[in-house]
Structure formats: structure tokens, C-alpha cells
Amino acid sequence: MAASASAVQAGDVTDLGWLAGCWVQKARGLTVEETWLSPSGGALLGVGRTVRDDDGTLRSYEFMKIDSPNGVLTFTADPSGQNSASFPVKARTAEEITFENLAHDFPQQVVYRKAATGLHAHIQGVIGDKIKTINFDYERCQP
């Protein structure tokens, strides 16, 4: 059941604690990691990196924040080599959150969802006249 419009926009991050932790995906010759701190101070803070498996080269990194500027829950990404971008919340349930910024080039949508064995995320947007989706099926990092 989806949350009401006012609940969707509400800026409380405390119930997004399921994002907290270290997440990893190994696929297509790359290791993608995301680490999120627990909600505190009205925000979740995260960092991500992508490393090539064959030579250990850092391919990209990103700093992320979920907070509520102006009372609207917002995902802000600051990726390596690019300008930062903010995505206000579009939809939210107890197990999934969707952020969207249709004015952004790519992605235009960022989604996180609790999965049975970890965390699913995807980014999506229009490139040319085609919708492109990149999926991330994360498992918890092993210590």
C-alpha cells in the first residue's frame, strides 16, 4: 500500500534504517559497493564505489545523502566527475523508496527496495528515445 502524498513528502528518514550497512554486487567484471550510515541528525549519508575486478582500478565513486531540505525527503548524489543532482521523493512504502528528477539527464529515477536476500536498487532514465535501467542486486558485505 502506497503512502499518502503528504506522507510521501514528509522528511522523516528514521524509517529508512533498512538502507544502513555495507552492500556489494559483483557482476560484469566489476565490484560495486555502497555503504550507508544509520539515520541520524535528520539524514542518511552514503558512499559508493565501483572497482574493476581485473586490475583493481577505481572506476567511479559517489557521495550520497538522503535528507529533507524544505520538508521534502530528497536523495542527493555527488558522483565523481559530474555535478551533484537532487531527486525529491516520488513514492514510498515500508520496503521501497523512489526518488525522481525528470529535469536531470541520467538517471531521472533512483529506487531502493528491501529484498529477501539483500537490497535491490536501480537507476532509470531516458537516453535519446529509449528508457535505460541499470540494476544493482546487492548482498550484505562480508566482514
Protein backbone atom coordinates (compact mmCIF):
# COMPACT_ATOMS: atom_id res chain seq x y z
CA MET A 1 0.00 0.00 0.00
CA ALA A 2 1.47 3.34 -1.03
CA ALA A 3 1.78 6.22 1.38
CA SER A 4 -0.40 9.31 1.03
CA ALA A 5 1.02 12.31 -0.82
CA SER A 6 1.77 14.19 2.41
CA ALA A 7 3.39 11.13 3.97
CA VAL A 8 5.47 10.61 0.82
CA GLN A 9 6.88 14.12 1.06
CA ALA A 10 7.40 14.02 4.83
CA GLY A 11 11.05 14.39 5.64
CA ASP A 12 11.49 11.73 8.33
CA VAL A 13 14.42 9.44 7.50
CA THR A 14 14.26 7.30 10.65
CA ASP A 15 12.21 4.55 8.99
CA LEU A 16 14.82 4.21 6.22
CA GLY A 17 17.21 2.40 8.57
CA TRP A 18 16.92 -0.70 6.38
CA LEU A 19 19.32 1.04 3.95
CA ALA A 20 22.07 1.22 6.59
CA GLY A 21 25.08 -1.02 6.19
CA CYS A 22 27.56 -2.19 3.59
CA TRP A 23 26.20 -3.58 0.31
CA VAL A 24 28.11 -5.24 -2.54
CA GLN A 25 27.38 -6.51 -6.04
CA LYS A 26 29.91 -8.43 -8.15
CA ALA A 27 28.88 -8.60 -11.81
CA ARG A 28 30.20 -7.97 -15.32
CA GLY A 29 33.81 -7.73 -14.11
CA LEU A 30 33.01 -5.00 -11.59
CA THR A 31 32.58 -4.80 -7.83
CA VAL A 32 30.05 -2.16 -6.83
CA GLU A 33 29.83 -1.23 -3.15
CA GLU A 34 27.51 1.14 -1.30
CA THR A 35 27.77 1.90 2.38
CA TRP A 36 25.06 3.83 4.24
CA LEU A 37 25.29 5.16 7.79
CA SER A 38 22.26 4.76 10.06
CA PRO A 39 19.79 7.65 10.11
CA SER A 40 21.00 10.38 12.46
CA GLY A 41 20.69 14.14 12.59
CA GLY A 42 17.85 14.04 10.07
CA ALA A 43 19.94 12.41 7.33
CA LEU A 44 21.36 9.19 5.94
CA LEU A 45 24.84 9.53 4.46
CA GLY A 46 26.27 7.12 1.94
CA VAL A 47 29.30 6.47 -0.23
CA GLY A 48 29.65 4.21 -3.23
CA ARG A 49 32.46 2.98 -5.44
CA THR A 50 32.91 0.82 -8.50
CA VAL A 51 36.17 -1.11 -8.94
CA ARG A 52 37.32 -3.15 -11.95
CA ASP A 53 37.91 -6.75 -10.87
CA ASP A 54 40.71 -7.47 -13.36
CA ASP A 55 43.14 -4.77 -12.22
CA GLY A 56 41.60 -3.22 -9.09
CA THR A 57 41.22 0.20 -10.72
CA LEU A 58 38.74 2.60 -9.17
CA ARG A 59 36.27 3.31 -11.97
CA SER A 60 33.94 5.72 -10.16
CA TYR A 61 32.79 6.88 -6.74
CA GLU A 62 29.84 8.78 -5.34
CA PHE A 63 28.83 10.55 -2.15
CA MET A 64 25.11 10.39 -1.31
CA LYS A 65 22.71 11.95 1.16
CA ILE A 66 19.05 11.47 1.98
CA ASP A 67 17.59 14.34 3.99
CA SER A 68 14.66 16.73 3.90
CA PRO A 69 15.52 20.23 2.73
CA ASN A 70 12.33 22.31 2.77
CA GLY A 71 10.48 19.38 4.38
CA VAL A 72 10.64 17.14 1.28
CA LEU A 73 12.62 13.90 1.52
CA THR A 74 15.40 14.16 -1.11
CA PHE A 75 18.20 11.94 -2.43
CA THR A 76 21.29 13.96 -3.42
CA ALA A 77 24.14 12.35 -5.34
CA ASP A 78 27.60 13.82 -5.85
CA PRO A 79 29.24 11.45 -8.36
CA SER A 80 32.89 11.57 -9.42
CA GLY A 81 33.48 13.81 -12.41
CA GLN A 82 29.90 15.11 -12.52
CA ASN A 83 27.75 17.80 -10.96
CA SER A 84 25.66 16.89 -7.93
CA ALA A 85 21.96 16.22 -8.51
CA SER A 86 18.95 16.09 -6.19
CA PHE A 87 15.92 13.83 -6.56
CA PRO A 88 12.80 14.51 -4.44
CA VAL A 89 10.82 11.50 -3.22
CA LYS A 90 8.10 10.33 -5.61
CA ALA A 91 6.77 7.21 -3.86
CA ARG A 92 7.44 5.48 -0.58
CA THR A 93 6.34 2.32 1.20
CA ALA A 94 7.78 0.49 4.21
CA GLU A 95 10.10 -1.50 1.90
CA GLU A 96 10.74 0.73 -1.11
CA ILE A 97 11.51 4.35 -1.89
CA THR A 98 11.56 6.07 -5.28
CA PHE A 99 13.21 9.42 -5.94
CA GLU A 100 12.69 11.29 -9.21
CA ASN A 101 14.04 14.33 -11.06
CA LEU A 102 12.72 14.44 -14.62
CA ALA A 103 14.85 17.52 -15.40
CA HIS A 104 18.09 15.54 -14.81
CA ASP A 105 19.84 13.96 -17.80
CA PHE A 106 20.53 10.46 -16.43
CA PRO A 107 19.36 8.96 -14.26
CA GLN A 108 15.97 10.52 -13.73
CA GLN A 109 14.85 8.00 -11.14
CA VAL A 110 16.62 6.30 -8.22
CA VAL A 111 14.91 3.38 -6.45
CA TYR A 112 15.88 1.37 -3.35
CA ARG A 113 13.93 -1.71 -2.25
CA LYS A 114 14.41 -4.22 0.56
CA ALA A 115 14.96 -7.66 -0.96
CA ALA A 116 14.68 -11.08 0.63
CA THR A 117 18.45 -11.61 0.49
CA GLY A 118 19.73 -8.05 0.47
CA LEU A 119 19.00 -4.75 -1.22
CA HIS A 120 17.82 -4.01 -4.75
CA ALA A 121 18.48 -0.64 -6.32
CA HIS A 122 18.09 0.68 -9.80
CA ILE A 123 18.56 3.88 -11.69
CA GLN A 124 16.47 4.69 -14.72
CA GLY A 125 16.05 7.40 -17.29
CA VAL A 126 15.51 8.26 -20.91
CA ILE A 127 18.52 8.41 -23.21
CA GLY A 128 17.54 9.53 -26.69
CA ASP A 129 14.11 7.99 -27.05
CA LYS A 130 14.80 4.82 -25.05
CA ILE A 131 14.36 4.02 -21.39
CA LYS A 132 17.58 2.71 -19.82
CA THR A 133 17.61 0.87 -16.50
CA ILE A 134 20.69 -0.19 -14.54
CA ASN A 135 20.02 -2.74 -11.78
CA PHE A 136 22.04 -3.33 -8.64
CA ASP A 137 21.29 -6.51 -6.69
CA TYR A 138 23.29 -6.06 -3.52
CA GLU A 139 24.19 -8.54 -0.81
CA ARG A 140 25.49 -7.55 2.62
CA CYS A 141 29.27 -7.14 2.66
CA GLN A 142 31.16 -9.87 4.47
CA PRO A 143 33.48 -8.69 7.27
